[in-house]
Amino acid sequence: MDRTALMQRVLLVYSGVLTLVLCIVLLTASTNAKKASFDEIDVRRINVIEPDGTVRLILSNKADFPGLIVKGKEYPHERQTAGMLFFDDEGTENGGLIFGGSKDKNGKVESWGHLSFDQYQGDQVTVVEGGESDGQRYAGIKFIDQPDIPINVVTDALKLPDEQRRSRLREIYSGKNKAQTRVFLGKEADHGAALDLRDAEGRDRIIVKVAGDGTPSMQFLDEHGKVVAKFPKEER
């Protein structure tokens, strides 16, 4: 065997060994990457996705919090908060958990915590929230009727410049398309605890309440807000 043939064979064997080693390293790295353990991790945002890339959950700080995501496409949506967003099987937002709070230089406190679940291709229908604003504290759960607005009408509005976008969204969600709270159960800013049942137009119809001073009451109202019956009948 001449020297040239020998060198070619040596190079062939050498390249084969390198290829085999590289494959082993890549396979080992791939296997190890399937599971990792950390004692502590600092992260700005985490995206949980399906094997096909469909987003299912996003956990984010305020700076990197996403806009509205519909079927995997993101649209501008102002949300100055940190938290978590949930997504359905199609990659569309269908709920979330947000939270925050601060005190300004004048001592004014703003705080909030909000957990919500959305209807399909729509806005929130169940809300659990609590917070403080302008010195008043509140906490409760709401059940909401949302209008059936095609999602493309909303996403088209979100593509507009800032002022036009806000104006168009106000127009979309006005009149008969306004969301209506049907049930509220919670602690109100006046320190009372209440169960408020409303009709399809969002008008109070039955209010069961324990006032801040401990006085209990129940009221039945007509569509004009007039009390038609109450218990106790006479105030003590």
Protein backbone atom coordinates (compact mmCIF):
# COMPACT_ATOMS: atom_id res chain seq x y z
CA MET A 1 0.00 0.00 0.00
CA ASP A 2 1.52 3.34 -1.04
CA ARG A 3 1.80 6.31 1.31
CA THR A 4 -1.08 8.25 -0.33
CA ALA A 5 -3.55 5.39 0.01
CA LEU A 6 -2.52 4.90 3.63
CA MET A 7 -3.09 8.58 4.46
CA GLN A 8 -6.51 8.51 2.81
CA ARG A 9 -7.51 5.48 4.88
CA VAL A 10 -6.26 7.11 8.09
CA LEU A 11 -8.21 10.32 7.32
CA LEU A 12 -11.33 8.28 6.54
CA VAL A 13 -11.10 6.42 9.87
CA TYR A 14 -10.35 9.69 11.72
CA SER A 15 -13.36 11.47 10.23
CA GLY A 16 -15.56 8.50 11.02
CA VAL A 17 -14.46 8.51 14.67
CA LEU A 18 -15.06 12.29 14.94
CA THR A 19 -18.54 11.91 13.45
CA LEU A 20 -19.35 9.12 15.91
CA VAL A 21 -18.11 11.17 18.88
CA LEU A 22 -20.11 14.21 17.72
CA CYS A 23 -23.29 12.13 17.41
CA ILE A 24 -22.79 10.72 20.90
CA VAL A 25 -22.27 14.22 22.34
CA LEU A 26 -25.37 15.59 20.60
CA LEU A 27 -27.54 12.65 21.64
CA THR A 28 -26.32 12.91 25.23
CA ALA A 29 -26.97 16.65 25.31
CA SER A 30 -30.43 16.15 23.82
CA THR A 31 -31.27 13.51 26.41
CA ASN A 32 -30.00 15.63 29.29
CA ALA A 33 -31.88 18.70 28.00
CA LYS A 34 -35.23 16.98 28.53
CA LYS A 35 -34.96 17.50 32.26
CA ALA A 36 -32.98 19.96 34.33
CA SER A 37 -32.84 20.77 38.01
CA PHE A 38 -32.13 24.20 39.48
CA ASP A 39 -31.86 25.43 43.04
CA GLU A 40 -32.64 28.97 41.88
CA ILE A 41 -33.23 30.67 38.55
CA ASP A 42 -33.65 34.33 37.52
CA VAL A 43 -35.81 34.80 34.46
CA ARG A 44 -37.76 37.65 32.85
CA ARG A 45 -40.28 35.53 30.95
CA ILE A 46 -41.19 31.85 30.50
CA ASN A 47 -43.20 30.55 27.53
CA VAL A 48 -44.75 27.08 27.93
CA ILE A 49 -45.48 25.57 24.51
CA GLU A 50 -46.79 22.36 22.98
CA PRO A 51 -44.53 20.16 20.80
CA ASP A 52 -45.95 21.91 17.70
CA GLY A 53 -45.04 25.34 19.10
CA THR A 54 -48.54 26.37 20.23
CA VAL A 55 -48.24 28.61 23.28
CA ARG A 56 -50.21 27.41 26.33
CA LEU A 57 -48.94 29.58 29.19
CA ILE A 58 -46.77 32.67 29.60
CA LEU A 59 -45.26 33.79 32.91
CA SER A 60 -43.72 37.25 32.63
CA ASN A 61 -42.46 40.35 34.36
CA LYS A 62 -44.05 43.72 33.57
CA ALA A 63 -41.47 44.84 31.02
CA ASP A 64 -41.86 41.74 28.83
CA PHE A 65 -45.57 41.10 29.34
CA PRO A 66 -47.19 40.28 25.98
CA GLY A 67 -50.13 41.94 24.24
CA LEU A 68 -53.25 40.07 23.19
CA ILE A 69 -52.39 36.75 21.52
CA VAL A 70 -54.98 35.20 19.19
CA LYS A 71 -54.16 31.88 17.50
CA GLY A 72 -50.48 32.48 18.08
CA LYS A 73 -50.39 36.02 16.69
CA GLU A 74 -49.71 38.94 19.03
CA TYR A 75 -51.54 42.27 18.85
CA PRO A 76 -50.84 45.52 20.77
CA HIS A 77 -52.65 45.56 24.11
CA GLU A 78 -51.65 47.82 27.02
CA ARG A 79 -51.18 45.93 30.28
CA GLN A 80 -48.73 47.50 32.73
CA THR A 81 -48.50 44.50 35.02
CA ALA A 82 -46.67 41.28 35.76
CA GLY A 83 -48.37 37.91 35.84
CA MET A 84 -49.44 34.82 33.97
CA LEU A 85 -51.58 34.25 30.88
CA PHE A 86 -53.42 31.03 29.98
CA PHE A 87 -54.09 29.91 26.37
CA ASP A 88 -56.51 27.45 24.80
CA ASP A 89 -55.65 24.60 22.41
CA GLU A 90 -55.58 27.07 19.50
CA GLY A 91 -53.05 29.42 21.11
CA THR A 92 -55.61 32.10 22.00
CA GLU A 93 -55.63 33.80 25.40
CA ASN A 94 -58.41 32.49 27.64
CA GLY A 95 -57.58 33.73 31.10
CA GLY A 96 -54.87 35.05 33.34
CA LEU A 97 -53.48 35.99 36.72
CA ILE A 98 -52.04 39.49 37.16
CA PHE A 99 -50.84 41.35 40.22
CA GLY A 100 -49.02 44.47 41.32
CA GLY A 101 -48.94 47.40 43.66
CA SER A 102 -46.97 50.47 44.68
CA LYS A 103 -47.00 53.66 46.74
CA ASP A 104 -46.22 56.96 45.03
CA LYS A 105 -44.26 59.90 46.45
CA ASN A 106 -47.47 61.35 47.91
CA GLY A 107 -48.22 58.15 49.81
CA LYS A 108 -51.04 57.05 47.49
CA VAL A 109 -51.36 53.27 47.35
CA GLU A 110 -52.48 51.25 44.32
CA SER A 111 -52.59 47.46 44.53
CA TRP A 112 -54.36 44.69 42.68
CA GLY A 113 -54.62 40.96 42.21
CA HIS A 114 -56.83 39.57 39.45
CA LEU A 115 -57.58 36.00 38.34
CA SER A 116 -59.90 35.64 35.34
CA PHE A 117 -61.26 33.04 32.92
CA ASP A 118 -62.47 34.02 29.44
CA GLN A 119 -65.17 32.76 27.14
CA TYR A 120 -64.01 31.24 23.84
CA GLN A 121 -62.57 33.95 21.58
CA GLY A 122 -63.81 36.55 24.05
CA ASP A 123 -63.21 38.41 27.28
CA GLN A 124 -63.45 37.44 30.95
CA VAL A 125 -66.61 35.81 32.31
CA THR A 126 -65.35 34.80 35.78
CA VAL A 127 -63.20 37.14 37.86
CA VAL A 128 -61.67 36.85 41.33
CA GLU A 129 -59.96 40.06 42.40
CA GLY A 130 -58.94 42.28 45.25
CA GLY A 131 -57.04 45.49 45.71
CA GLU A 132 -56.88 49.06 46.88
CA SER A 133 -57.47 52.32 45.01
CA ASP A 134 -57.88 55.88 46.32
CA GLY A 135 -57.84 54.60 49.89
CA GLN A 136 -60.67 52.13 49.31
CA ARG A 137 -60.18 48.37 49.59
CA TYR A 138 -62.25 45.76 47.81
CA ALA A 139 -62.29 42.00 47.23
CA GLY A 140 -64.75 39.70 45.52
CA ILE A 141 -65.82 37.43 42.72
CA LYS A 142 -67.81 38.43 39.64
CA PHE A 143 -69.71 36.55 36.95
CA ILE A 144 -70.02 38.51 33.72
CA ASP A 145 -72.03 38.34 30.49
CA GLN A 146 -69.83 39.17 27.52
CA PRO A 147 -71.16 40.21 24.09
CA ASP A 148 -70.62 37.92 21.11
CA ILE A 149 -68.18 40.11 19.19
CA PRO A 150 -66.21 38.38 16.39
CA ILE A 151 -62.56 38.26 17.45
CA ASN A 152 -61.40 39.63 14.09
CA VAL A 153 -63.32 42.87 14.81
CA VAL A 154 -61.23 43.28 17.96
CA THR A 155 -57.90 42.32 16.39
CA ASP A 156 -58.52 44.71 13.47
CA ALA A 157 -59.01 47.51 16.01
CA LEU A 158 -55.79 46.55 17.81
CA LYS A 159 -53.81 47.17 14.62
CA LEU A 160 -54.73 50.88 14.61
CA PRO A 161 -52.53 53.69 16.02
CA ASP A 162 -52.90 54.32 19.76
CA GLU A 163 -55.65 56.96 19.87
CA GLN A 164 -57.64 55.38 17.04
CA ARG A 165 -57.30 51.99 18.73
CA ARG A 166 -58.69 53.24 22.04
CA SER A 167 -61.54 55.05 20.30
CA ARG A 168 -62.45 52.04 18.20
CA LEU A 169 -62.41 49.69 21.21
CA ARG A 170 -64.71 52.03 23.16
CA GLU A 171 -67.05 52.00 20.19
CA ILE A 172 -66.98 48.21 19.87
CA TYR A 173 -67.75 47.64 23.56
CA SER A 174 -70.48 50.26 23.94
CA GLY A 175 -74.29 50.10 23.85
CA LYS A 176 -75.63 46.56 23.52
CA ASN A 177 -72.08 45.24 23.26
CA LYS A 178 -71.17 46.36 26.76
CA ALA A 179 -70.18 43.61 29.19
CA GLN A 180 -72.59 43.26 32.13
CA THR A 181 -71.77 41.94 35.57
CA ARG A 182 -74.57 39.55 36.58
CA VAL A 183 -73.37 38.47 40.03
CA PHE A 184 -71.04 40.08 42.57
CA LEU A 185 -70.10 38.50 45.88
CA GLY A 186 -67.55 40.17 48.07
CA LYS A 187 -66.33 42.90 50.37
CA GLU A 188 -67.10 46.42 49.24
CA ALA A 189 -65.17 49.64 49.76
CA ASP A 190 -67.63 50.78 52.48
CA HIS A 191 -66.63 47.73 54.60
CA GLY A 192 -69.92 45.98 53.85
CA ALA A 193 -70.23 42.41 52.56
CA ALA A 194 -72.73 41.92 49.74
CA LEU A 195 -74.33 39.57 47.26
CA ASP A 196 -75.59 41.55 44.28
CA LEU A 197 -77.73 39.86 41.61
CA ARG A 198 -78.34 41.83 38.40
CA ASP A 199 -80.43 41.39 35.27
CA ALA A 200 -79.18 41.09 31.68
CA GLU A 201 -78.90 44.87 31.45
CA GLY A 202 -76.63 45.01 34.50
CA ARG A 203 -79.28 46.54 36.76
CA ASP A 204 -79.40 45.64 40.47
CA ARG A 205 -82.42 43.42 41.18
CA ILE A 206 -81.62 41.66 44.47
CA ILE A 207 -79.11 42.91 47.03
CA VAL A 208 -78.27 40.96 50.16
CA LYS A 209 -75.91 42.89 52.40
CA VAL A 210 -74.31 43.16 55.80
CA ALA A 211 -73.29 46.80 56.22
CA GLY A 212 -70.03 47.95 57.76
CA ASP A 213 -71.80 48.45 61.10
CA GLY A 214 -73.12 44.87 61.04
CA THR A 215 -76.69 45.67 59.95
CA PRO A 216 -78.12 42.97 57.62
CA SER A 217 -80.63 43.67 54.85
CA MET A 218 -82.22 42.32 51.70
CA GLN A 219 -83.71 44.43 48.90
CA PHE A 220 -85.67 43.65 45.75
CA LEU A 221 -85.61 46.29 43.00
CA ASP A 222 -87.47 46.84 39.76
CA GLU A 223 -85.86 47.69 36.40
CA HIS A 224 -85.80 51.38 37.32
CA GLY A 225 -83.86 50.81 40.55
CA LYS A 226 -86.87 51.36 42.81
CA VAL A 227 -87.02 49.17 45.93
CA VAL A 228 -90.25 47.13 45.68
CA ALA A 229 -89.65 44.97 48.76
CA LYS A 230 -87.12 44.72 51.54
CA PHE A 231 -86.31 42.87 54.72
CA PRO A 232 -86.42 43.96 57.44
CA LYS A 233 -89.29 46.18 56.39
CA GLU A 234 -88.43 48.93 58.86
CA GLU A 235 -85.02 50.17 59.78
CA ARG A 236 -84.13 49.67 63.40
